[in-house]
Structures are given as C-alpha cells and as structure tokens.
Amino acid sequence: MTSPSPTARRTRLRRRTVLALAAATAAVLTLSACGTATTGSTAKTDTVSGSSAAAKTDTVTLLDDTTLAVPGKKPAALFFFSVGCGECAGGAKSLDKAAKAFGDKATFLAVDMDPSESKTTIMQFLDYIKAPGLATTVDKGAALSLRYQVSALSTLIVVDPQGKVTYRATDPSADQIQAALKKAGA
C-alpha cells in the first residue's frame, strides 16, 4: 500500500478546511438569525388572488396530539423557536408568562421551526424553561413560517382573528406581548 503524495495530502487538507469553514459560516449565520428585531409588520398579500396570505386558517397539531386553529376566534401570539437557539429560551418564557397572566383571552402557541427536533427533545426544553404546559407545535413543511414570513428564530408575532399580523418582535417581554394582544382585540 502506498501513501498519498504530499500534493494529494495538501489537496485533501484544503478541501477539509474549505468544508469546515463553510460549516462554521452556516452555523454563524444560523445563530445570528436569533436576533433580528422588527415591529409592526402586516401579513403578505397573495399576488395571485390579491387576498391576505394569512387569512386562511391553519389547523396545527400540538405535541399532545390535540389540534388548534390559527388564526382562531381570538388573537394569537405565536413564538417561533428551536431548541438549539439560546436566545429562544427567554422568548418562550415570556410567552408562557403572558399566557398564564392573560388566560383564555388569547391563543398562545410556541412554534418549533426545526422539524428534525423530536417531541421528547422539545418537551425537555419546555421543562427546562419551566413552561411544560405551553401549547407547542412543530412547523412541518414550514407552513406557519411561510404564511407569516418568519425567517428568524426567536420571533414573536401577534395575529388578529382575521389573520392580520399586528405585531412582530424578537424576544419581547410578557408585558409587551400582552399589550400587543390587547391592541389586536383581546
């Protein structure tokens, strides 16, 4: 068996280095997506029909296998997260705190944007942040993310019963979530 030539070894090393740099760049871009803040956005208009893209109701399956309509008859606060996003823990805690304070005047939903995360992993995350009762779904096919134009982790949106996004922010406090829900009609 002959060993590779020095040139072949350098070529392999360069390829590995390029691949490692590409992976590191992708990781940095993913983590930086955890902190993009915007407020006051509205739903996208469908260019084919001219109707609001958010007007359609989605029925999502929660981790406990029950279903929930979004938007429903009440305003909804949707928090988009991933278990691997460090910043998302604070936003999910705020959502749970607002849900406990607001009661049934609004719908509260945590939306896991990573379809590869298991129910067990998500439940461990919810236990860790002390929010095991928070209604949670996995955004399979990115249906909610696409409908509400959410591309960054740790984003919270408030949707009125007609499907219009009335508030959008990154990691808002429980008080900010409650104020946005009141403006949306809760």
N, C-alpha and C. Protein backbone atom coordinates (compact mmCIF):
# COMPACT_ATOMS: atom_id res chain seq x y z
N MET A 1 0.86 -1.18 0.00
CA MET A 1 0.00 0.00 0.00
C MET A 1 0.89 1.23 0.00
N THR A 2 0.63 2.16 -0.90
CA THR A 2 1.44 3.37 -0.99
C THR A 2 0.70 4.51 -0.34
N SER A 3 1.46 5.39 0.26
CA SER A 3 0.83 6.55 0.90
C SER A 3 0.63 7.64 -0.16
N PRO A 4 -0.37 8.51 0.08
CA PRO A 4 -0.64 9.57 -0.90
C PRO A 4 0.55 10.52 -0.99
N SER A 5 0.68 11.12 -2.14
CA SER A 5 1.77 12.08 -2.36
C SER A 5 1.52 13.33 -1.51
N PRO A 6 2.56 14.11 -1.25
CA PRO A 6 2.38 15.36 -0.49
C PRO A 6 1.37 16.30 -1.14
N THR A 7 1.34 16.34 -2.45
CA THR A 7 0.39 17.20 -3.16
C THR A 7 -1.05 16.73 -2.91
N ALA A 8 -1.27 15.42 -2.96
CA ALA A 8 -2.61 14.87 -2.71
C ALA A 8 -3.04 15.15 -1.28
N ARG A 9 -2.12 15.04 -0.32
CA ARG A 9 -2.45 15.33 1.08
C ARG A 9 -2.82 16.80 1.26
N ARG A 10 -2.08 17.71 0.63
CA ARG A 10 -2.39 19.14 0.73
C ARG A 10 -3.76 19.43 0.13
N THR A 11 -4.06 18.80 -0.99
CA THR A 11 -5.36 19.00 -1.65
C THR A 11 -6.49 18.55 -0.73
N ARG A 12 -6.33 17.38 -0.11
CA ARG A 12 -7.36 16.89 0.82
C ARG A 12 -7.50 17.83 2.01
N LEU A 13 -6.37 18.29 2.54
CA LEU A 13 -6.40 19.20 3.67
C LEU A 13 -7.12 20.49 3.30
N ARG A 14 -6.86 21.03 2.12
CA ARG A 14 -7.55 22.25 1.67
C ARG A 14 -9.05 22.01 1.57
N ARG A 15 -9.44 20.86 1.01
CA ARG A 15 -10.87 20.55 0.89
C ARG A 15 -11.52 20.49 2.26
N ARG A 16 -10.86 19.82 3.19
CA ARG A 16 -11.40 19.72 4.56
C ARG A 16 -11.51 21.11 5.19
N THR A 17 -10.51 21.94 4.98
CA THR A 17 -10.53 23.28 5.54
C THR A 17 -11.67 24.10 4.95
N VAL A 18 -11.85 24.02 3.64
CA VAL A 18 -12.94 24.75 2.99
C VAL A 18 -14.29 24.26 3.51
N LEU A 19 -14.45 22.95 3.64
CA LEU A 19 -15.70 22.40 4.17
C LEU A 19 -15.94 22.84 5.60
N ALA A 20 -14.88 22.84 6.43
CA ALA A 20 -15.00 23.27 7.82
C ALA A 20 -15.39 24.75 7.90
N LEU A 21 -14.78 25.57 7.05
CA LEU A 21 -15.13 26.99 7.03
C LEU A 21 -16.56 27.20 6.57
N ALA A 22 -17.00 26.45 5.58
CA ALA A 22 -18.38 26.56 5.11
C ALA A 22 -19.35 26.17 6.21
N ALA A 23 -19.05 25.10 6.94
CA ALA A 23 -19.91 24.66 8.04
C ALA A 23 -19.94 25.72 9.15
N ALA A 24 -18.78 26.29 9.46
CA ALA A 24 -18.72 27.32 10.50
C ALA A 24 -19.51 28.56 10.08
N THR A 25 -19.40 28.94 8.82
CA THR A 25 -20.14 30.09 8.32
C THR A 25 -21.65 29.84 8.42
N ALA A 26 -22.08 28.65 8.05
CA ALA A 26 -23.50 28.31 8.14
C ALA A 26 -23.97 28.37 9.58
N ALA A 27 -23.15 27.88 10.52
CA ALA A 27 -23.52 27.91 11.93
C ALA A 27 -23.63 29.35 12.44
N VAL A 28 -22.69 30.20 12.06
CA VAL A 28 -22.74 31.60 12.48
C VAL A 28 -23.98 32.29 11.93
N LEU A 29 -24.30 32.04 10.66
CA LEU A 29 -25.49 32.64 10.07
C LEU A 29 -26.76 32.17 10.76
N THR A 30 -26.81 30.90 11.12
CA THR A 30 -27.97 30.36 11.83
C THR A 30 -28.11 31.01 13.19
N LEU A 31 -27.01 31.10 13.93
CA LEU A 31 -27.07 31.70 15.26
C LEU A 31 -27.36 33.19 15.20
N SER A 32 -26.86 33.88 14.20
CA SER A 32 -27.13 35.32 14.10
C SER A 32 -28.59 35.58 13.77
N ALA A 33 -29.27 34.61 13.20
CA ALA A 33 -30.69 34.77 12.90
C ALA A 33 -31.53 34.84 14.16
N CYS A 34 -30.96 34.48 15.30
CA CYS A 34 -31.70 34.51 16.56
C CYS A 34 -32.00 35.93 17.02
N GLY A 35 -31.40 36.96 16.43
CA GLY A 35 -31.56 38.29 16.99
C GLY A 35 -31.97 39.37 16.03
N THR A 36 -32.89 39.15 15.13
CA THR A 36 -33.33 40.16 14.19
C THR A 36 -34.66 40.72 14.64
N ALA A 37 -34.73 42.00 14.98
CA ALA A 37 -35.96 42.57 15.53
C ALA A 37 -36.64 43.50 14.53
N THR A 38 -37.94 43.33 14.40
CA THR A 38 -38.77 44.26 13.65
C THR A 38 -40.11 44.33 14.35
N THR A 39 -40.84 45.42 14.18
CA THR A 39 -42.16 45.53 14.78
C THR A 39 -43.14 46.12 13.79
N GLY A 40 -44.42 45.85 14.04
CA GLY A 40 -45.48 46.48 13.27
C GLY A 40 -45.67 45.99 11.86
N SER A 41 -45.27 44.79 11.53
CA SER A 41 -45.43 44.27 10.17
C SER A 41 -46.84 43.73 9.95
N THR A 42 -47.28 43.72 8.70
CA THR A 42 -48.57 43.16 8.38
C THR A 42 -48.41 41.92 7.53
N ALA A 43 -49.50 41.22 7.33
CA ALA A 43 -49.45 39.98 6.56
C ALA A 43 -49.18 40.26 5.09
N LYS A 44 -48.58 39.29 4.41
CA LYS A 44 -48.26 39.38 2.99
C LYS A 44 -49.53 39.24 2.16
N THR A 45 -49.60 39.98 1.07
CA THR A 45 -50.72 39.84 0.15
C THR A 45 -50.36 38.84 -0.93
N ASP A 46 -51.27 37.92 -1.19
CA ASP A 46 -51.07 36.90 -2.21
C ASP A 46 -51.20 37.56 -3.58
N THR A 47 -50.15 37.48 -4.39
CA THR A 47 -50.17 38.17 -5.68
C THR A 47 -51.10 37.50 -6.69
N VAL A 48 -51.46 36.25 -6.45
CA VAL A 48 -52.35 35.56 -7.39
C VAL A 48 -53.80 35.97 -7.15
N SER A 49 -54.24 35.89 -5.89
CA SER A 49 -55.65 36.16 -5.60
C SER A 49 -55.89 37.57 -5.08
N GLY A 50 -54.82 38.25 -4.61
CA GLY A 50 -54.98 39.58 -4.05
C GLY A 50 -55.49 39.56 -2.62
N SER A 51 -55.69 38.39 -2.05
CA SER A 51 -56.19 38.30 -0.68
C SER A 51 -55.03 38.22 0.29
N SER A 52 -55.32 38.44 1.54
CA SER A 52 -54.29 38.35 2.56
C SER A 52 -53.81 36.91 2.67
N ALA A 53 -52.50 36.72 2.65
CA ALA A 53 -51.95 35.37 2.72
C ALA A 53 -52.22 34.73 4.07
N ALA A 54 -52.46 35.54 5.10
CA ALA A 54 -52.68 35.00 6.43
C ALA A 54 -54.15 34.75 6.72
N ALA A 55 -55.06 35.12 5.82
CA ALA A 55 -56.49 34.99 6.07
C ALA A 55 -56.91 33.53 6.18
N LYS A 56 -56.21 32.63 5.54
CA LYS A 56 -56.54 31.21 5.63
C LYS A 56 -56.21 30.70 7.02
N THR A 57 -57.07 29.84 7.54
CA THR A 57 -56.83 29.24 8.84
C THR A 57 -56.02 27.97 8.67
N ASP A 58 -54.99 27.84 9.48
CA ASP A 58 -54.21 26.61 9.54
C ASP A 58 -54.64 25.86 10.79
N THR A 59 -54.79 24.56 10.67
CA THR A 59 -55.03 23.72 11.83
C THR A 59 -53.73 22.99 12.10
N VAL A 60 -53.18 23.24 13.29
CA VAL A 60 -51.90 22.65 13.65
C VAL A 60 -52.12 21.57 14.70
N THR A 61 -51.27 20.58 14.68
CA THR A 61 -51.31 19.52 15.68
C THR A 61 -50.28 19.84 16.75
N LEU A 62 -50.73 19.87 17.98
CA LEU A 62 -49.85 20.18 19.10
C LEU A 62 -49.11 18.92 19.55
N LEU A 63 -48.11 19.12 20.40
CA LEU A 63 -47.32 17.98 20.88
C LEU A 63 -48.17 16.96 21.62
N ASP A 64 -49.28 17.41 22.24
CA ASP A 64 -50.16 16.47 22.95
C ASP A 64 -51.19 15.83 22.03
N ASP A 65 -51.01 16.00 20.72
CA ASP A 65 -51.86 15.42 19.66
C ASP A 65 -53.25 16.05 19.55
N THR A 66 -53.49 17.17 20.23
CA THR A 66 -54.72 17.93 20.00
C THR A 66 -54.47 18.89 18.85
N THR A 67 -55.52 19.53 18.36
CA THR A 67 -55.36 20.47 17.25
C THR A 67 -55.76 21.87 17.69
N LEU A 68 -55.27 22.84 16.95
CA LEU A 68 -55.53 24.24 17.24
C LEU A 68 -55.62 24.99 15.92
N ALA A 69 -56.63 25.84 15.78
CA ALA A 69 -56.79 26.65 14.57
C ALA A 69 -56.07 27.98 14.75
N VAL A 70 -55.29 28.36 13.74
CA VAL A 70 -54.56 29.63 13.76
C VAL A 70 -54.77 30.30 12.42
N PRO A 71 -55.32 31.51 12.34
CA PRO A 71 -55.90 32.23 13.46
C PRO A 71 -57.23 31.61 13.86
N GLY A 72 -57.61 31.87 15.09
CA GLY A 72 -58.87 31.36 15.61
C GLY A 72 -59.83 32.50 15.86
N LYS A 73 -60.69 32.33 16.82
CA LYS A 73 -61.68 33.36 17.15
C LYS A 73 -61.11 34.44 18.06
N LYS A 74 -59.90 34.21 18.56
CA LYS A 74 -59.23 35.17 19.45
C LYS A 74 -57.88 35.53 18.83
N PRO A 75 -57.33 36.67 19.21
CA PRO A 75 -55.96 36.98 18.77
C PRO A 75 -55.00 35.89 19.25
N ALA A 76 -53.93 35.72 18.51
CA ALA A 76 -52.95 34.69 18.84
C ALA A 76 -51.55 35.26 18.90
N ALA A 77 -50.78 34.77 19.86
CA ALA A 77 -49.36 35.10 19.97
C ALA A 77 -48.59 33.84 19.59
N LEU A 78 -47.79 33.93 18.54
CA LEU A 78 -47.01 32.79 18.06
C LEU A 78 -45.53 33.10 18.22
N PHE A 79 -44.82 32.22 18.91
CA PHE A 79 -43.39 32.40 19.12
C PHE A 79 -42.65 31.32 18.37
N PHE A 80 -41.76 31.71 17.46
CA PHE A 80 -41.01 30.78 16.61
C PHE A 80 -39.64 30.53 17.22
N PHE A 81 -39.35 29.25 17.46
CA PHE A 81 -38.12 28.91 18.18
C PHE A 81 -37.52 27.61 17.66
N SER A 82 -36.38 27.28 18.21
CA SER A 82 -35.75 25.99 18.03
C SER A 82 -35.06 25.67 19.35
N VAL A 83 -35.03 24.42 19.72
CA VAL A 83 -34.41 24.02 20.97
C VAL A 83 -32.95 24.44 21.02
N GLY A 84 -32.27 24.44 19.89
CA GLY A 84 -30.86 24.78 19.85
C GLY A 84 -30.57 26.27 19.89
N CYS A 85 -31.57 27.12 19.91
CA CYS A 85 -31.39 28.57 19.92
C CYS A 85 -31.37 29.06 21.36
N GLY A 86 -30.22 29.53 21.82
CA GLY A 86 -30.08 30.00 23.19
C GLY A 86 -31.00 31.16 23.54
N GLU A 87 -31.13 32.12 22.63
CA GLU A 87 -31.99 33.28 22.88
C GLU A 87 -33.46 32.90 22.97
N CYS A 88 -33.82 31.80 22.35
CA CYS A 88 -35.23 31.40 22.29
C CYS A 88 -35.80 31.05 23.66
N ALA A 89 -34.96 30.63 24.59
CA ALA A 89 -35.44 30.26 25.92
C ALA A 89 -36.14 31.45 26.59
N GLY A 90 -35.54 32.63 26.50
CA GLY A 90 -36.15 33.82 27.12
C GLY A 90 -37.47 34.20 26.49
N GLY A 91 -37.55 34.13 25.16
CA GLY A 91 -38.79 34.46 24.47
C GLY A 91 -39.90 33.48 24.79
N ALA A 92 -39.54 32.19 24.88
CA ALA A 92 -40.54 31.18 25.22
C ALA A 92 -41.03 31.36 26.66
N LYS A 93 -40.13 31.73 27.56
CA LYS A 93 -40.53 32.01 28.95
C LYS A 93 -41.50 33.19 28.99
N SER A 94 -41.22 34.23 28.22
CA SER A 94 -42.11 35.39 28.18
C SER A 94 -43.49 35.01 27.63
N LEU A 95 -43.51 34.18 26.60
CA LEU A 95 -44.78 33.72 26.04
C LEU A 95 -45.58 32.96 27.10
N ASP A 96 -44.93 32.07 27.82
CA ASP A 96 -45.61 31.30 28.86
C ASP A 96 -46.12 32.20 29.98
N LYS A 97 -45.31 33.17 30.37
CA LYS A 97 -45.70 34.11 31.43
C LYS A 97 -46.92 34.92 30.98
N ALA A 98 -46.92 35.38 29.74
CA ALA A 98 -48.06 36.13 29.21
C ALA A 98 -49.30 35.24 29.14
N ALA A 99 -49.12 34.00 28.75
CA ALA A 99 -50.25 33.06 28.65
C ALA A 99 -50.88 32.84 30.02
N LYS A 100 -50.06 32.70 31.05
CA LYS A 100 -50.58 32.49 32.40
C LYS A 100 -51.30 33.74 32.91
N ALA A 101 -50.78 34.92 32.58
CA ALA A 101 -51.40 36.17 33.04
C ALA A 101 -52.67 36.50 32.26
N PHE A 102 -52.71 36.15 30.99
CA PHE A 102 -53.80 36.54 30.10
C PHE A 102 -54.96 35.55 30.09
N GLY A 103 -54.67 34.32 30.44
CA GLY A 103 -55.72 33.31 30.46
C GLY A 103 -56.24 32.97 29.08
N ASP A 104 -57.56 32.79 28.98
CA ASP A 104 -58.15 32.34 27.71
C ASP A 104 -58.62 33.49 26.82
N LYS A 105 -58.13 34.70 27.06
CA LYS A 105 -58.50 35.85 26.21
C LYS A 105 -57.79 35.82 24.86
N ALA A 106 -56.76 34.97 24.75
CA ALA A 106 -55.98 34.88 23.52
C ALA A 106 -55.42 33.46 23.39
N THR A 107 -54.90 33.17 22.23
CA THR A 107 -54.25 31.89 21.97
C THR A 107 -52.74 32.11 22.03
N PHE A 108 -52.06 31.17 22.66
CA PHE A 108 -50.61 31.24 22.78
C PHE A 108 -50.03 29.96 22.21
N LEU A 109 -49.07 30.11 21.30
CA LEU A 109 -48.51 28.94 20.63
C LEU A 109 -47.01 29.11 20.40
N ALA A 110 -46.25 28.13 20.86
CA ALA A 110 -44.82 28.06 20.56
C ALA A 110 -44.67 27.19 19.31
N VAL A 111 -43.94 27.70 18.32
CA VAL A 111 -43.80 27.02 17.03
C VAL A 111 -42.34 26.64 16.82
N ASP A 112 -42.05 25.34 16.89
CA ASP A 112 -40.68 24.86 16.68
C ASP A 112 -40.41 24.86 15.18
N MET A 113 -39.41 25.62 14.76
CA MET A 113 -39.09 25.75 13.34
C MET A 113 -38.21 24.63 12.80
N ASP A 114 -37.73 23.74 13.67
CA ASP A 114 -36.84 22.67 13.23
C ASP A 114 -37.60 21.34 13.23
N PRO A 115 -38.04 20.88 12.07
CA PRO A 115 -38.83 19.65 12.03
C PRO A 115 -38.05 18.40 12.42
N SER A 116 -36.74 18.50 12.56
CA SER A 116 -35.95 17.32 12.95
C SER A 116 -35.91 17.14 14.47
N GLU A 117 -36.38 18.13 15.23
CA GLU A 117 -36.35 18.00 16.69
C GLU A 117 -37.50 17.11 17.15
N SER A 118 -37.18 16.17 18.01
CA SER A 118 -38.18 15.20 18.46
C SER A 118 -39.09 15.80 19.53
N LYS A 119 -40.23 15.18 19.68
CA LYS A 119 -41.19 15.57 20.71
C LYS A 119 -40.52 15.52 22.08
N THR A 120 -39.72 14.49 22.33
CA THR A 120 -39.03 14.34 23.61
C THR A 120 -38.07 15.51 23.85
N THR A 121 -37.30 15.87 22.85
CA THR A 121 -36.36 16.99 22.98
C THR A 121 -37.09 18.29 23.25
N ILE A 122 -38.19 18.52 22.55
CA ILE A 122 -38.96 19.75 22.74
C ILE A 122 -39.56 19.78 24.15
N MET A 123 -40.08 18.65 24.60
CA MET A 123 -40.64 18.58 25.96
C MET A 123 -39.56 18.84 27.02
N GLN A 124 -38.35 18.34 26.79
CA GLN A 124 -37.24 18.61 27.71
C GLN A 124 -36.93 20.10 27.75
N PHE A 125 -36.96 20.74 26.58
CA PHE A 125 -36.74 22.19 26.50
C PHE A 125 -37.82 22.92 27.30
N LEU A 126 -39.08 22.56 27.11
CA LEU A 126 -40.18 23.20 27.83
C LEU A 126 -40.06 22.98 29.34
N ASP A 127 -39.66 21.79 29.75
CA ASP A 127 -39.42 21.53 31.18
C ASP A 127 -38.28 22.39 31.70
N TYR A 128 -37.21 22.50 30.91
CA TYR A 128 -36.04 23.28 31.31
C TYR A 128 -36.40 24.75 31.55
N ILE A 129 -37.25 25.32 30.69
CA ILE A 129 -37.62 26.73 30.85
C ILE A 129 -38.82 26.90 31.78
N LYS A 130 -39.26 25.79 32.37
CA LYS A 130 -40.38 25.78 33.32
C LYS A 130 -41.69 26.22 32.68
N ALA A 131 -41.93 25.71 31.46
CA ALA A 131 -43.17 26.01 30.73
C ALA A 131 -43.74 24.74 30.10
N PRO A 132 -43.89 23.67 30.91
CA PRO A 132 -44.32 22.39 30.32
C PRO A 132 -45.73 22.42 29.74
N GLY A 133 -46.56 23.35 30.17
CA GLY A 133 -47.94 23.40 29.68
C GLY A 133 -48.14 24.29 28.46
N LEU A 134 -47.08 24.89 27.96
CA LEU A 134 -47.18 25.80 26.82
C LEU A 134 -47.57 25.03 25.56
N ALA A 135 -48.63 25.46 24.91
CA ALA A 135 -49.06 24.82 23.66
C ALA A 135 -47.94 24.95 22.64
N THR A 136 -47.53 23.81 22.06
CA THR A 136 -46.39 23.79 21.16
C THR A 136 -46.67 22.91 19.96
N THR A 137 -46.20 23.36 18.80
CA THR A 137 -46.29 22.57 17.57
C THR A 137 -44.96 22.61 16.85
N VAL A 138 -44.77 21.63 15.98
CA VAL A 138 -43.61 21.63 15.10
C VAL A 138 -44.09 22.11 13.74
N ASP A 139 -43.39 23.09 13.17
CA ASP A 139 -43.80 23.71 11.91
C ASP A 139 -43.37 22.84 10.73
N LYS A 140 -44.05 21.72 10.57
CA LYS A 140 -43.74 20.79 9.47
C LYS A 140 -44.06 21.45 8.14
N GLY A 141 -43.13 21.35 7.22
CA GLY A 141 -43.31 21.98 5.92
C GLY A 141 -43.22 23.49 5.97
N ALA A 142 -42.83 24.03 7.12
CA ALA A 142 -42.69 25.48 7.32
C ALA A 142 -43.97 26.23 6.98
N ALA A 143 -45.13 25.61 7.19
CA ALA A 143 -46.40 26.23 6.83
C ALA A 143 -46.62 27.57 7.53
N LEU A 144 -46.44 27.62 8.85
CA LEU A 144 -46.65 28.87 9.59
C LEU A 144 -45.54 29.87 9.31
N SER A 145 -44.32 29.39 9.24
CA SER A 145 -43.18 30.29 8.96
C SER A 145 -43.37 30.99 7.63
N LEU A 146 -43.79 30.26 6.63
CA LEU A 146 -44.00 30.85 5.30
C LEU A 146 -45.22 31.77 5.30
N ARG A 147 -46.30 31.32 5.89
CA ARG A 147 -47.53 32.11 5.89
C ARG A 147 -47.31 33.48 6.54
N TYR A 148 -46.57 33.49 7.65
CA TYR A 148 -46.37 34.74 8.38
C TYR A 148 -45.00 35.36 8.15
N GLN A 149 -44.28 34.87 7.14
CA GLN A 149 -42.99 35.43 6.74
C GLN A 149 -42.00 35.52 7.91
N VAL A 150 -41.86 34.44 8.64
CA VAL A 150 -40.92 34.38 9.74
C VAL A 150 -39.69 33.63 9.26
N SER A 151 -38.55 34.31 9.27
CA SER A 151 -37.32 33.68 8.82
C SER A 151 -36.26 33.65 9.91
N ALA A 152 -36.53 34.27 11.04
CA ALA A 152 -35.54 34.31 12.12
C ALA A 152 -36.09 33.64 13.37
N LEU A 153 -35.24 32.86 13.99
CA LEU A 153 -35.60 32.26 15.27
C LEU A 153 -35.84 33.36 16.30
N SER A 154 -36.59 33.02 17.34
CA SER A 154 -36.87 33.91 18.45
C SER A 154 -37.79 35.08 18.06
N THR A 155 -38.59 34.87 17.00
CA THR A 155 -39.54 35.89 16.54
C THR A 155 -40.91 35.61 17.14
N LEU A 156 -41.55 36.64 17.63
CA LEU A 156 -42.92 36.54 18.11
C LEU A 156 -43.80 37.40 17.21
N ILE A 157 -44.94 36.85 16.82
CA ILE A 157 -45.92 37.64 16.08
C ILE A 157 -47.25 37.53 16.80
N VAL A 158 -48.04 38.57 16.66
CA VAL A 158 -49.42 38.57 17.14
C VAL A 158 -50.30 38.67 15.91
N VAL A 159 -51.28 37.78 15.83
CA VAL A 159 -52.19 37.70 14.70
C VAL A 159 -53.60 37.95 15.21
N ASP A 160 -54.33 38.87 14.57
CA ASP A 160 -55.71 39.10 14.97
C ASP A 160 -56.61 38.00 14.41
N PRO A 161 -57.87 37.92 14.83
CA PRO A 161 -58.75 36.84 14.36
C PRO A 161 -58.96 36.81 12.84
N GLN A 162 -58.73 37.92 12.15
CA GLN A 162 -58.85 37.96 10.69
C GLN A 162 -57.58 37.48 9.99
N GLY A 163 -56.54 37.19 10.76
CA GLY A 163 -55.30 36.69 10.18
C GLY A 163 -54.25 37.74 9.91
N LYS A 164 -54.50 38.97 10.28
CA LYS A 164 -53.54 40.05 10.05
C LYS A 164 -52.49 40.07 11.17
N VAL A 165 -51.23 40.14 10.77
CA VAL A 165 -50.14 40.27 11.75
C VAL A 165 -50.15 41.71 12.24
N THR A 166 -50.40 41.88 13.53
CA THR A 166 -50.49 43.22 14.10
C THR A 166 -49.25 43.61 14.91
N TYR A 167 -48.39 42.64 15.17
CA TYR A 167 -47.18 42.91 15.96
C TYR A 167 -46.13 41.87 15.61
N ARG A 168 -44.88 42.31 15.53
CA ARG A 168 -43.77 41.41 15.24
C ARG A 168 -42.56 41.93 16.00
N ALA A 169 -41.89 41.05 16.74
CA ALA A 169 -40.71 41.46 17.51
C ALA A 169 -39.85 40.25 17.82
N THR A 170 -38.64 40.52 18.26
CA THR A 170 -37.74 39.47 18.71
C THR A 170 -37.65 39.53 20.22
N ASP A 171 -37.92 38.41 20.85
CA ASP A 171 -37.82 38.26 22.31
C ASP A 171 -38.51 39.37 23.10
N PRO A 172 -39.79 39.65 22.85
CA PRO A 172 -40.46 40.67 23.66
C PRO A 172 -40.73 40.15 25.07
N SER A 173 -40.95 41.07 25.98
CA SER A 173 -41.28 40.70 27.36
C SER A 173 -42.74 40.25 27.41
N ALA A 174 -43.12 39.65 28.52
CA ALA A 174 -44.52 39.22 28.70
C ALA A 174 -45.44 40.43 28.65
N ASP A 175 -45.01 41.56 29.22
CA ASP A 175 -45.83 42.78 29.18
C ASP A 175 -46.03 43.29 27.76
N GLN A 176 -44.99 43.23 26.95
CA GLN A 176 -45.10 43.67 25.56
C GLN A 176 -46.05 42.74 24.78
N ILE A 177 -45.99 41.46 25.04
CA ILE A 177 -46.88 40.50 24.38
C ILE A 177 -48.33 40.80 24.76
N GLN A 178 -48.58 41.03 26.03
CA GLN A 178 -49.94 41.33 26.50
C GLN A 178 -50.45 42.63 25.89
N ALA A 179 -49.62 43.66 25.83
CA ALA A 179 -50.03 44.94 25.24
C ALA A 179 -50.36 44.76 23.76
N ALA A 180 -49.56 43.97 23.04
CA ALA A 180 -49.82 43.73 21.63
C ALA A 180 -51.12 42.95 21.43
N LEU A 181 -51.39 42.01 22.31
CA LEU A 181 -52.65 41.26 22.22
C LEU A 181 -53.87 42.14 22.48
N LYS A 182 -53.73 43.05 23.42
CA LYS A 182 -54.84 43.99 23.70
C LYS A 182 -55.13 44.84 22.48
N LYS A 183 -54.08 45.32 21.81
CA LYS A 183 -54.26 46.11 20.59
C LYS A 183 -54.89 45.30 19.47
N ALA A 184 -54.67 43.96 19.51
CA ALA A 184 -55.22 43.07 18.48
C ALA A 184 -56.66 42.63 18.81
N GLY A 185 -57.18 43.12 19.93
CA GLY A 185 -58.58 42.85 20.24
C GLY A 185 -58.84 41.86 21.37
N ALA A 186 -57.83 41.47 22.11
CA ALA A 186 -58.03 40.54 23.23
C ALA A 186 -58.52 41.28 24.45
